[in-house]
Amino acid sequence: MENRSAIARYREKHELTLKQFGALFNVDQSTALRWERGLHLSAKKAIEIEAVTGISKHELLPEIFGPPPASAAAEVEAAE
């Protein structure tokens, strides 16, 4: 299992620096780094990040939004 955060994986995939990722949300790179480390991310900002990047708010803040919903395929497999 990968220990890197969803934000770190997104940045790597899209070849974005912390500064560039932060600019998407009008914050500096130190704020983007805190989010990447799972610190000081508000529910409102998690929703905004989800809208812009597609990273699930459930993955960003499971303690607020709960675990990611199971996919339909996983639900079918679990039922069998």
Foldseek 3Di string as FASTA:
>chain_A
DDPFAPLVVLCVVVVHQLQRVCVVVVHGSVVSVCLRVLHDQDLVNLVVCCVVRVPHSCRSCCVPVNHDDDDPVVVVVVVD
